Amino acid sequence: MEEAPRSTSTVGLKKGTFPPLPVFNGTSNIDRYGILCQRLMLERNYNATALIVSARGKRGRYAEPSHQLQFGAFLKSLFGHLIGVA
């Protein structure tokens, strides 16, 4: 995800048919993606997920906003899955 002012600043919640979950109060888009990735793993929909952010023009430089969503752990899980299939 691109690390930019619009993705790192707090996003307002719009009320619709169902009220938004409290966990989303005061969060940015990057935070929301992190919450999504963590929930996908907790609910066992995915074995592993990763979230990396990078600013435009910063070739090859990235950050991992959550320790639980590191790219290295995702690759290890993927590699283990591939070894098990082979």
C-alpha atoms as a PDB file:
ATOM      1  CA  MET A   1       0.000   0.000   0.000  1.00  0.00           C
ATOM      2  CA  GLU A   2       1.238   3.501  -0.710  1.00  0.00           C
ATOM      3  CA  GLU A   3       2.317   5.412   2.355  1.00  0.00           C
ATOM      4  CA  ALA A   4       0.814   8.841   1.743  1.00  0.00           C
ATOM      5  CA  PRO A   5      -1.062  11.456   3.789  1.00  0.00           C
ATOM      6  CA  ARG A   6      -4.441  10.100   2.675  1.00  0.00           C
ATOM      7  CA  SER A   7      -3.582   6.534   3.745  1.00  0.00           C
ATOM      8  CA  THR A   8      -1.922   7.425   7.053  1.00  0.00           C
ATOM      9  CA  SER A   9      -4.404   9.992   8.369  1.00  0.00           C
ATOM     10  CA  THR A  10      -7.504   9.131  10.368  1.00  0.00           C
ATOM     11  CA  VAL A  11     -10.555   8.344   8.255  1.00  0.00           C
ATOM     12  CA  GLY A  12     -14.077   9.189   9.352  1.00  0.00           C
ATOM     13  CA  LEU A  13     -16.744   6.541   9.694  1.00  0.00           C
ATOM     14  CA  LYS A  14     -19.984   6.831   7.761  1.00  0.00           C
ATOM     15  CA  LYS A  15     -23.060   5.347   9.343  1.00  0.00           C
ATOM     16  CA  GLY A  16     -25.058   3.058   7.110  1.00  0.00           C
ATOM     17  CA  THR A  17     -27.516   0.253   7.645  1.00  0.00           C
ATOM     18  CA  PHE A  18     -25.201  -1.359  10.194  1.00  0.00           C
ATOM     19  CA  PRO A  19     -23.143   0.680  12.655  1.00  0.00           C
ATOM     20  CA  PRO A  20     -19.357   0.476  12.174  1.00  0.00           C
ATOM     21  CA  LEU A  21     -17.418  -1.675  14.612  1.00  0.00           C
ATOM     22  CA  PRO A  22     -15.702   0.281  17.389  1.00  0.00           C
ATOM     23  CA  VAL A  23     -12.302  -1.141  16.408  1.00  0.00           C
ATOM     24  CA  PHE A  24     -12.364   1.128  13.346  1.00  0.00           C
ATOM     25  CA  ASN A  25     -12.797   4.392  15.302  1.00  0.00           C
ATOM     26  CA  GLY A  26      -9.812   6.697  14.866  1.00  0.00           C
ATOM     27  CA  THR A  27      -7.962   4.496  12.382  1.00  0.00           C
ATOM     28  CA  SER A  28      -6.248   5.203   9.080  1.00  0.00           C
ATOM     29  CA  ASN A  29      -6.609   3.149   5.914  1.00  0.00           C
ATOM     30  CA  ILE A  30      -3.301   1.429   6.664  1.00  0.00           C
ATOM     31  CA  ASP A  31      -4.580   0.522  10.148  1.00  0.00           C
ATOM     32  CA  ARG A  32      -7.774  -0.858   8.611  1.00  0.00           C
ATOM     33  CA  TYR A  33      -5.837  -3.055   6.198  1.00  0.00           C
ATOM     34  CA  GLY A  34      -3.836  -4.340   9.174  1.00  0.00           C
ATOM     35  CA  ILE A  35      -7.041  -5.149  11.047  1.00  0.00           C
ATOM     36  CA  LEU A  36      -8.391  -6.967   7.983  1.00  0.00           C
ATOM     37  CA  CYS A  37      -5.216  -9.027   7.586  1.00  0.00           C
ATOM     38  CA  GLN A  38      -5.135  -9.976  11.269  1.00  0.00           C
ATOM     39  CA  ARG A  39      -8.798 -11.000  11.249  1.00  0.00           C
ATOM     40  CA  LEU A  40      -8.325 -13.112   8.126  1.00  0.00           C
ATOM     41  CA  MET A  41      -5.636 -15.053   9.999  1.00  0.00           C
ATOM     42  CA  LEU A  42      -7.547 -15.247  13.302  1.00  0.00           C
ATOM     43  CA  GLU A  43     -10.622 -16.606  11.544  1.00  0.00           C
ATOM     44  CA  ARG A  44      -8.376 -19.076   9.702  1.00  0.00           C
ATOM     45  CA  ASN A  45      -9.416 -17.858   6.283  1.00  0.00           C
ATOM     46  CA  TYR A  46      -5.724 -17.328   5.488  1.00  0.00           C
ATOM     47  CA  ASN A  47      -2.658 -19.079   6.903  1.00  0.00           C
ATOM     48  CA  ALA A  48      -0.592 -15.900   6.724  1.00  0.00           C
ATOM     49  CA  THR A  49      -0.873 -12.347   5.479  1.00  0.00           C
ATOM     50  CA  ALA A  50       1.549  -9.471   5.039  1.00  0.00           C
ATOM     51  CA  LEU A  51       1.182  -5.715   4.981  1.00  0.00           C
ATOM     52  CA  ILE A  52       3.931  -3.557   3.567  1.00  0.00           C
ATOM     53  CA  VAL A  53       3.799   0.154   2.828  1.00  0.00           C
ATOM     54  CA  SER A  54       6.047   2.261   0.663  1.00  0.00           C
ATOM     55  CA  ALA A  55       6.147   5.919  -0.253  1.00  0.00           C
ATOM     56  CA  ARG A  56       5.953   6.820  -3.930  1.00  0.00           C
ATOM     57  CA  GLY A  57       9.393   7.216  -5.476  1.00  0.00           C
ATOM     58  CA  LYS A  58      11.235   5.314  -2.720  1.00  0.00           C
ATOM     59  CA  ARG A  59      12.482   2.494  -4.901  1.00  0.00           C
ATOM     60  CA  GLY A  60      12.931  -0.702  -2.921  1.00  0.00           C
ATOM     61  CA  ARG A  61      12.272   0.920   0.457  1.00  0.00           C
ATOM     62  CA  TYR A  62       9.288  -0.223   2.438  1.00  0.00           C
ATOM     63  CA  ALA A  63       8.003  -0.462   5.993  1.00  0.00           C
ATOM     64  CA  GLU A  64       6.053  -3.122   7.832  1.00  0.00           C
ATOM     65  CA  PRO A  65       3.576  -1.318  10.104  1.00  0.00           C
ATOM     66  CA  SER A  66       2.717  -4.434  12.120  1.00  0.00           C
ATOM     67  CA  HIS A  67       5.079  -7.018  13.599  1.00  0.00           C
ATOM     68  CA  GLN A  68       2.409  -9.701  13.112  1.00  0.00           C
ATOM     69  CA  LEU A  69       2.117  -8.959   9.387  1.00  0.00           C
ATOM     70  CA  GLN A  70       5.757  -9.145   8.339  1.00  0.00           C
ATOM     71  CA  PHE A  71       6.567 -10.179   4.797  1.00  0.00           C
ATOM     72  CA  GLY A  72       9.221 -12.671   5.954  1.00  0.00           C
ATOM     73  CA  ALA A  73       6.678 -14.638   7.991  1.00  0.00           C
ATOM     74  CA  PHE A  74       4.319 -14.651   5.006  1.00  0.00           C
ATOM     75  CA  LEU A  75       7.062 -16.041   2.761  1.00  0.00           C
ATOM     76  CA  LYS A  76       7.935 -18.762   5.286  1.00  0.00           C
ATOM     77  CA  SER A  77       4.298 -19.822   5.424  1.00  0.00           C
ATOM     78  CA  LEU A  78       4.030 -19.825   1.643  1.00  0.00           C
ATOM     79  CA  PHE A  79       7.248 -21.827   1.307  1.00  0.00           C
ATOM     80  CA  GLY A  80       6.000 -24.374   3.854  1.00  0.00           C
ATOM     81  CA  HIS A  81       2.755 -24.726   1.961  1.00  0.00           C
ATOM     82  CA  LEU A  82       4.592 -25.249  -1.328  1.00  0.00           C
ATOM     83  CA  ILE A  83       6.860 -27.894   0.193  1.00  0.00           C
ATOM     84  CA  GLY A  84       3.801 -29.703   1.539  1.00  0.00           C
ATOM     85  CA  VAL A  85       2.143 -29.740  -1.891  1.00  0.00           C
ATOM     86  CA  ALA A  86       5.208 -31.005  -3.735  1.00  0.00           C
END
